[in-house]
Protein backbone atom coordinates (compact mmCIF):
# COMPACT_ATOMS: atom_id res chain seq x y z
CA MET A 1 126.26 95.93 104.18
CA LEU A 2 123.24 93.51 103.66
CA THR A 3 124.32 89.76 103.63
CA GLN A 4 122.37 87.26 102.26
CA GLU A 5 121.42 86.15 105.69
CA SER A 6 120.22 89.87 106.90
CA LEU A 7 117.80 90.45 103.24
CA LYS A 8 114.08 90.39 104.26
CA ARG A 9 111.93 87.74 102.84
CA THR A 10 108.38 87.99 102.08
CA PRO A 11 105.74 85.31 103.19
CA LEU A 12 106.28 83.76 99.73
CA TYR A 13 109.74 83.33 99.61
CA ASP A 14 109.35 79.63 99.92
CA GLU A 15 106.88 79.54 96.75
CA HIS A 16 109.28 81.30 94.56
CA VAL A 17 112.08 78.93 95.43
CA ALA A 18 109.85 75.84 94.53
CA LEU A 19 109.05 77.61 91.56
CA LYS A 20 112.77 77.97 90.54
CA ALA A 21 112.79 81.73 90.65
CA SER A 22 116.01 83.53 90.11
CA MET A 23 116.26 85.49 93.76
CA VAL A 24 118.31 88.77 93.96
CA PRO A 25 118.58 91.54 96.48
CA PHE A 26 115.97 94.71 96.15
CA GLY A 27 115.74 97.16 98.68
CA GLY A 28 116.83 95.12 101.59
CA TRP A 29 114.47 92.21 100.60
CA GLN A 30 114.87 88.76 98.61
CA MET A 31 113.23 89.12 95.84
CA PRO A 32 112.18 86.83 92.45
CA VAL A 33 113.67 88.70 89.33
CA GLN A 34 112.43 85.88 86.90
CA TYR A 35 110.94 82.59 86.82
CA GLU A 36 110.21 81.33 83.27
CA GLY A 37 112.15 84.48 81.78
CA ILE A 38 111.76 88.10 81.81
CA LEU A 39 110.45 88.31 77.98
CA ALA A 40 107.98 85.25 78.77
CA GLU A 41 106.47 86.88 81.63
CA TYR A 42 106.45 90.59 80.10
CA THR A 43 104.22 88.97 77.19
CA GLN A 44 102.11 87.29 79.40
CA THR A 45 101.29 90.54 81.55
CA ARG A 46 100.37 92.29 78.18
CA GLN A 47 98.58 89.60 76.64
CA ALA A 48 96.85 87.35 79.55
CA ALA A 49 97.60 88.02 83.18
CA THR A 50 100.44 87.52 85.67
CA LEU A 51 100.84 87.76 89.36
CA PHE A 52 103.56 89.56 90.85
CA ASP A 53 104.64 89.19 94.86
CA THR A 54 104.94 92.86 96.12
CA SER A 55 104.57 92.11 99.84
CA HIS A 56 107.98 94.00 100.53
CA MET A 57 105.87 97.00 100.08
CA GLY A 58 105.16 99.03 103.03
CA GLU A 59 101.77 99.95 104.52
CA PHE A 60 100.63 102.44 107.31
CA LEU A 61 97.32 103.29 108.89
CA ILE A 62 96.83 107.14 109.74
CA GLU A 63 93.77 108.11 111.76
CA GLY A 64 92.57 111.51 112.39
CA ASP A 65 91.51 114.56 110.22
CA CYS A 66 94.13 115.24 107.46
CA GLU A 67 94.42 118.94 108.04
CA LYS A 68 94.26 118.87 111.72
CA THR A 69 97.05 116.14 112.30
CA GLY A 70 99.24 117.76 109.98
CA PHE A 71 98.75 114.92 107.03
CA GLU A 72 97.93 117.10 104.32
CA HIS A 73 100.84 118.97 105.12
CA ILE A 74 102.83 116.25 104.33
CA VAL A 75 102.23 115.00 101.06
CA THR A 76 102.17 116.75 97.68
CA MET A 77 98.62 115.82 96.58
CA ARG A 78 95.16 117.29 98.01
CA LEU A 79 93.35 114.85 100.79
CA ASN A 80 90.56 117.12 102.11
CA ASP A 81 88.81 116.33 98.85
CA MET A 82 89.26 112.73 98.30
CA PRO A 83 85.90 110.34 97.87
CA LEU A 84 85.94 107.74 99.86
CA LYS A 85 87.47 104.51 98.78
CA THR A 86 89.37 105.75 96.09
CA SER A 87 93.34 106.68 95.97
CA ARG A 88 95.96 109.19 94.92
CA TYR A 89 99.41 109.02 94.08
CA GLY A 90 101.70 111.52 95.07
CA MET A 91 104.82 112.61 97.11
CA LEU A 92 106.63 112.73 100.41
CA LEU A 93 109.22 115.80 99.87
CA ASN A 94 111.97 117.15 102.27
CA GLU A 95 112.71 120.63 102.65
CA GLN A 96 114.68 121.01 99.66
CA GLY A 97 112.09 119.82 97.54
CA GLY A 98 113.71 116.25 97.05
CA VAL A 99 111.31 113.23 96.77
CA ILE A 100 111.77 111.11 100.15
CA ASP A 101 109.57 108.59 98.55
CA ASP A 102 106.35 108.43 95.99
CA LEU A 103 103.35 106.59 97.98
CA ILE A 104 99.45 106.16 96.93
CA VAL A 105 97.13 107.14 99.74
CA PHE A 106 93.95 105.28 100.22
CA ARG A 107 90.80 107.20 101.97
CA ILE A 108 89.40 104.39 103.79
CA ALA A 109 86.98 106.37 105.99
CA ARG A 110 86.67 110.05 106.32
CA ASP A 111 89.21 110.35 109.14
CA GLN A 112 91.11 107.13 108.17
CA TRP A 113 93.95 106.95 105.61
CA PHE A 114 96.01 103.73 104.37
CA CYS A 115 99.18 104.48 102.47
CA VAL A 116 101.44 102.12 100.34
CA VAL A 117 105.26 103.35 100.23
CA ASN A 118 108.32 101.32 98.48
CA GLY A 119 109.74 98.19 100.36
CA GLY A 120 113.34 99.85 100.75
CA THR A 121 112.29 103.31 102.44
CA ILE A 122 109.77 101.89 105.03
CA ASP A 123 111.67 102.75 108.02
CA LYS A 124 112.52 106.36 106.67
CA ASP A 125 109.00 107.01 105.50
CA ALA A 126 107.62 105.92 108.85
CA ARG A 127 110.22 108.16 110.62
CA HIS A 128 109.37 111.10 108.31
CA ILE A 129 105.81 110.59 109.03
CA LYS A 130 105.90 110.30 112.72
CA GLU A 131 108.05 113.19 113.20
CA LYS A 132 105.80 115.73 111.11
CA LEU A 133 102.25 114.38 112.42
CA ARG A 134 100.81 116.32 115.21
CA PRO A 135 100.02 114.35 118.49
CA SER A 136 96.50 113.84 117.74
CA ALA A 137 97.36 111.68 114.79
CA LYS A 138 97.36 107.89 115.36
CA PHE A 139 100.33 106.12 113.12
CA SER A 140 100.63 102.29 112.78
CA ASN A 141 102.95 100.75 110.51
CA ILE A 142 101.17 97.57 109.21
CA SER A 143 103.72 96.69 106.96
CA MET A 144 104.29 93.02 108.46
CA ASP A 145 100.84 92.73 108.98
CA LEU A 146 100.05 92.68 105.35
CA GLY A 147 101.10 91.00 102.19
CA LYS A 148 100.24 92.02 98.71
CA LEU A 149 99.70 90.51 95.44
CA ASP A 150 99.69 92.44 91.90
CA LEU A 151 97.28 90.62 89.46
CA GLN A 152 98.01 92.36 86.15
CA GLY A 153 96.86 92.29 82.67
CA PRO A 154 93.72 92.05 80.33
CA LEU A 155 92.24 89.00 81.67
CA SER A 156 92.79 90.19 85.46
CA ARG A 157 89.41 91.25 85.66
CA ASP A 158 87.65 88.22 84.42
CA ILE A 159 89.93 86.00 86.21
CA LEU A 160 89.21 87.92 89.74
CA LYS A 161 85.63 87.81 88.94
CA GLN A 162 85.49 84.05 89.97
CA TYR A 163 85.99 84.93 93.24
CA ILE A 164 84.52 88.41 93.58
CA PRO A 165 81.67 89.19 91.26
CA THR A 166 81.20 92.62 91.93
CA ILE A 167 85.02 93.58 90.92
CA GLU A 168 84.20 94.90 87.49
CA LYS A 169 82.28 97.98 89.39
CA LEU A 170 85.81 98.86 90.52
CA ASN A 171 87.17 102.04 88.76
CA TYR A 172 90.89 102.92 88.07
CA PHE A 173 92.27 104.00 91.33
CA ALA A 174 89.49 103.11 93.46
CA PHE A 175 89.22 100.16 96.07
CA ASP A 176 86.82 98.29 98.32
CA TYR A 177 86.98 95.36 100.65
CA PHE A 178 85.76 92.18 99.53
CA ASP A 179 85.36 88.71 100.59
CA LEU A 180 88.06 86.46 99.19
CA LEU A 181 88.70 83.18 100.16
CA GLY A 182 87.06 83.80 103.43
CA GLU A 183 89.25 87.36 104.28
CA ASN A 184 88.03 90.59 104.18
CA VAL A 185 90.54 92.31 102.24
CA LEU A 186 91.55 95.50 100.57
CA VAL A 187 91.67 95.28 96.59
CA SER A 188 92.40 98.46 94.78
CA ARG A 189 92.32 98.65 90.73
CA THR A 190 95.90 99.87 90.67
CA GLY A 191 98.96 98.57 89.25
CA TYR A 192 102.52 99.18 87.74
CA THR A 193 102.31 97.70 84.65
CA GLY A 194 100.05 99.75 82.25
CA GLU A 195 97.55 97.10 81.70
CA LEU A 196 94.21 96.40 83.67
CA GLY A 197 95.03 95.04 86.99
CA TYR A 198 94.27 95.07 90.85
CA GLU A 199 96.37 94.93 93.97
CA ILE A 200 94.89 92.50 96.72
CA PHE A 201 96.42 93.30 100.32
CA PHE A 202 96.01 89.82 102.14
CA PRO A 203 96.84 89.09 105.48
CA TRP A 204 100.79 88.24 105.60
CA ASP A 205 100.41 84.84 107.44
CA LYS A 206 97.81 83.54 104.94
CA ILE A 207 98.64 85.05 101.52
CA VAL A 208 100.29 81.36 100.34
CA ASP A 209 96.89 80.37 99.89
CA CYS A 210 95.93 83.37 97.74
CA TRP A 211 98.87 83.13 95.91
CA ARG A 212 98.63 79.40 95.00
CA THR A 213 94.79 79.78 94.01
CA LEU A 214 95.29 82.30 91.53
CA LEU A 215 98.08 80.56 89.84
CA THR A 216 96.06 77.67 89.34
CA HIS A 217 94.19 79.35 86.42
CA LYS A 218 96.10 78.37 83.20
CA GLU A 219 95.90 82.30 82.00
CA VAL A 220 97.89 83.50 85.13
CA LYS A 221 101.45 82.80 85.60
CA PRO A 222 104.22 84.11 88.18
CA ALA A 223 106.23 87.23 87.15
CA GLY A 224 109.33 89.00 88.63
CA LEU A 225 111.27 91.95 88.92
CA GLY A 226 112.83 91.82 85.37
CA ALA A 227 109.26 91.92 83.77
CA ARG A 228 107.71 94.24 86.03
CA ASP A 229 110.80 96.98 85.37
CA VAL A 230 110.19 96.45 81.65
CA LEU A 231 106.55 97.16 81.67
CA ARG A 232 106.95 100.17 84.01
CA LEU A 233 109.52 101.74 81.88
CA GLU A 234 107.62 101.07 78.71
CA MET A 235 104.81 103.31 80.61
CA GLY A 236 107.21 105.96 81.70
CA TYR A 237 106.59 105.12 85.36
CA SER A 238 109.20 106.60 87.78
CA LEU A 239 111.20 104.14 89.98
CA TYR A 240 112.38 105.46 93.67
CA GLY A 241 116.23 105.40 93.51
CA HIS A 242 116.09 105.89 89.63
CA GLU A 243 113.86 108.86 88.69
CA LEU A 244 113.03 109.92 91.97
CA SER A 245 115.22 110.31 95.01
CA ASP A 246 116.13 112.74 98.10
CA THR A 247 117.88 115.15 95.63
CA ILE A 248 115.42 115.05 92.92
CA THR A 249 112.57 117.20 92.76
CA PRO A 250 109.26 116.43 91.11
CA LEU A 251 109.31 119.28 88.81
CA GLU A 252 112.75 118.09 87.56
CA ALA A 253 111.26 114.30 87.25
CA GLY A 254 108.21 115.68 85.37
CA LEU A 255 105.48 114.76 87.69
CA SER A 256 104.23 118.32 88.68
CA ARG A 257 101.04 117.01 87.96
CA PHE A 258 100.68 115.01 91.60
CA VAL A 259 101.76 118.25 93.29
CA ASP A 260 98.93 120.55 94.71
CA PHE A 261 100.48 123.83 94.68
CA GLU A 262 97.17 125.69 95.66
CA LYS A 263 97.97 123.90 99.29
CA ASP A 264 100.75 124.12 101.86
CA PHE A 265 103.21 121.25 102.10
CA ILE A 266 106.33 120.27 103.39
CA GLY A 267 108.92 121.55 100.50
CA LYS A 268 106.67 123.78 98.50
CA PRO A 269 108.96 126.95 99.08
CA ALA A 270 112.07 125.01 97.32
CA LEU A 271 109.97 124.17 94.58
CA LEU A 272 108.21 127.62 93.91
CA THR A 273 112.10 128.81 93.93
CA GLN A 274 113.14 126.06 91.33
CA LYS A 275 110.08 127.56 89.37
CA GLU A 276 111.31 130.67 89.40
CA GLN A 277 114.81 130.31 88.89
CA GLY A 278 114.42 127.86 86.43
CA ILE A 279 114.47 123.92 86.67
CA PRO A 280 118.19 122.95 86.49
CA ARG A 281 117.37 119.37 84.74
CA ARG A 282 114.58 117.55 83.40
CA LEU A 283 113.53 113.88 82.63
CA ILE A 284 113.25 112.78 78.86
CA GLY A 285 112.63 109.74 77.00
CA PHE A 286 114.45 108.13 74.31
CA THR A 287 114.80 105.15 72.01
CA SER A 288 117.94 103.74 71.06
CA THR A 289 118.59 103.70 67.26
CA SER A 290 119.37 99.82 67.46
CA ARG A 291 118.43 97.03 69.79
CA LYS A 292 121.40 98.20 72.12
CA SER A 293 119.87 99.02 75.43
CA PRO A 294 120.82 101.93 77.73
CA ARG A 295 121.82 101.41 81.22
CA ALA A 296 121.01 103.11 84.52
CA ASP A 297 124.00 105.31 85.44
CA ASN A 298 125.10 105.65 81.77
CA PRO A 299 126.14 109.24 80.55
CA LEU A 300 124.15 110.78 78.12
CA TRP A 301 125.92 113.28 75.20
CA SER A 302 124.46 115.65 72.91
CA ALA A 303 125.19 115.05 69.13
CA ASP A 304 128.56 117.01 69.33
CA LYS A 305 129.46 114.40 71.97
CA LYS A 306 129.16 116.64 75.03
CA MET A 307 127.78 115.54 78.06
CA ILE A 308 124.20 116.43 78.98
CA GLY A 309 123.10 114.36 81.64
CA THR A 310 122.67 110.82 82.86
CA VAL A 311 120.50 107.46 82.35
CA THR A 312 118.23 107.08 85.02
CA SER A 313 116.60 103.93 83.73
CA GLY A 314 117.14 101.43 80.36
CA SER A 315 116.13 98.48 79.06
CA PHE A 316 115.07 96.30 75.65
CA SER A 317 111.55 97.24 75.09
CA PRO A 318 109.72 94.65 73.30
CA ALA A 319 107.05 96.97 72.38
CA VAL A 320 109.48 99.52 70.60
CA GLY A 321 111.82 96.92 69.40
CA THR A 322 114.75 98.62 70.63
CA GLY A 323 116.31 100.24 73.45
CA ILE A 324 114.44 102.65 75.74
CA GLY A 325 115.58 104.98 78.32
CA LEU A 326 114.72 107.89 80.93
CA GLY A 327 117.35 110.24 81.66
CA LEU A 328 117.95 113.59 83.54
CA ILE A 329 119.59 116.40 81.39
CA ALA A 330 120.50 119.66 81.96
CA SER A 331 117.83 122.00 80.84
CA ALA A 332 119.94 124.57 79.69
CA ALA A 333 121.27 122.18 77.09
CA SER A 334 117.48 120.72 76.44
CA GLU A 335 115.83 123.98 75.68
CA ALA A 336 118.22 125.21 73.35
CA ASN A 337 118.91 121.75 71.30
CA PHE A 338 116.85 118.72 72.75
CA ALA A 339 113.23 118.69 71.62
CA LYS A 340 111.49 115.35 70.21
CA GLY A 341 113.10 113.72 67.47
CA ALA A 342 116.98 115.49 68.32
CA LYS A 343 119.74 112.83 68.39
CA ILE A 344 121.76 112.11 71.45
CA PHE A 345 124.02 109.45 72.65
CA PHE A 346 124.62 107.07 75.46
CA GLY A 347 127.41 105.27 76.97
CA GLU A 348 130.84 105.73 78.10
CA GLU A 349 133.33 108.30 75.77
CA ASN A 350 134.85 104.79 74.03
CA ASN A 351 131.42 103.42 73.18
CA PHE A 352 128.89 105.68 72.14
CA ASN A 353 125.23 104.90 71.20
CA GLU A 354 122.91 106.59 68.91
CA ALA A 355 119.32 107.29 70.35
CA VAL A 356 116.56 109.95 69.75
CA ILE A 357 114.72 111.68 72.38
CA SER A 358 110.91 110.81 72.30
CA GLU A 359 108.02 110.84 74.81
CA ARG A 360 108.63 109.34 77.83
CA ILE A 361 105.52 106.95 77.28
CA PHE A 362 106.58 104.45 74.83
CA TYR A 363 103.49 102.03 75.16
CA LYS A 364 100.13 103.05 74.80
CA LYS A 365 97.81 100.34 73.82
CA GLY A 366 97.42 99.01 77.33
CA SER A 367 94.57 97.92 78.78
CA LEU A 368 94.92 99.84 82.01
CA LYS A 369 91.58 101.93 81.70
CA HIS A 370 89.36 99.31 79.86
């Protein structure tokens, strides 16, 4: 069991404490959940810009031809046709089709790949990838060499342009190396908020300078995990350990578009079997008919009060004005009665809360691709 003393800290831990952030355990790390407040940080992200410390995320470097090394076989998305300086989202699967982790792969050079994985699964992911790679591959876990900052919000481009004049040329899910505060760093136009934003990979031992510099701007404020969770949930983005896990497949999670069935990959036979036999569960979005918010692991019930599934994530949505959630429900039940607009309930048997099935994307007004 992890104790407060055994939790890992990012290089910005003292900065968070100085800013009076509330610190919580997250994936084996001590992380800021909020500074000024979740709602204020959410609003700042949607309207201006915020800075997130995501240095807990893992980074791997893989060198070698993606097919000859077996790397192509390890991930669900196709790698061999990726243009240089672009990135793709996908997953690592086990033989049963469950998700070991979701990740983004960046193509740095023809035979050089940079991977970003979740902070709580770094060791597990590294073991899996190294075990499956062929000897010709060179694998490096550089997670403790790089810190990461996410600058997110509609003003993020204008702010970053003051340091990187050519940043406006960077397209969505593209990246490049830029001089930033005297360091040659990878900056990608990616994020987890639904807003225009950038991820900055800065040397671990120098990232405090970058953090402090960006926070000198009046349009930028720090934001924590609380706001980040609401922002990603409004976009219907999956969170590992909630919508994704070793026992949840991409098909159940509604992420089949990130699985290339035209190639071979670990877990493909299991997914094909699941497609043939029928996907047992499916991920839905739903909105509460009140301000009451669902919570992860709350049971989901049909209109006639029969249990049909489980909430995977839930929160109050400032954009919608009600509670929102994602949940896994039995496909047999959903096919018969649970189309968009159908009434369901969440909560325990003695505390039913009414909700309506909706799209999984709750917020569509963001600056993401502007």
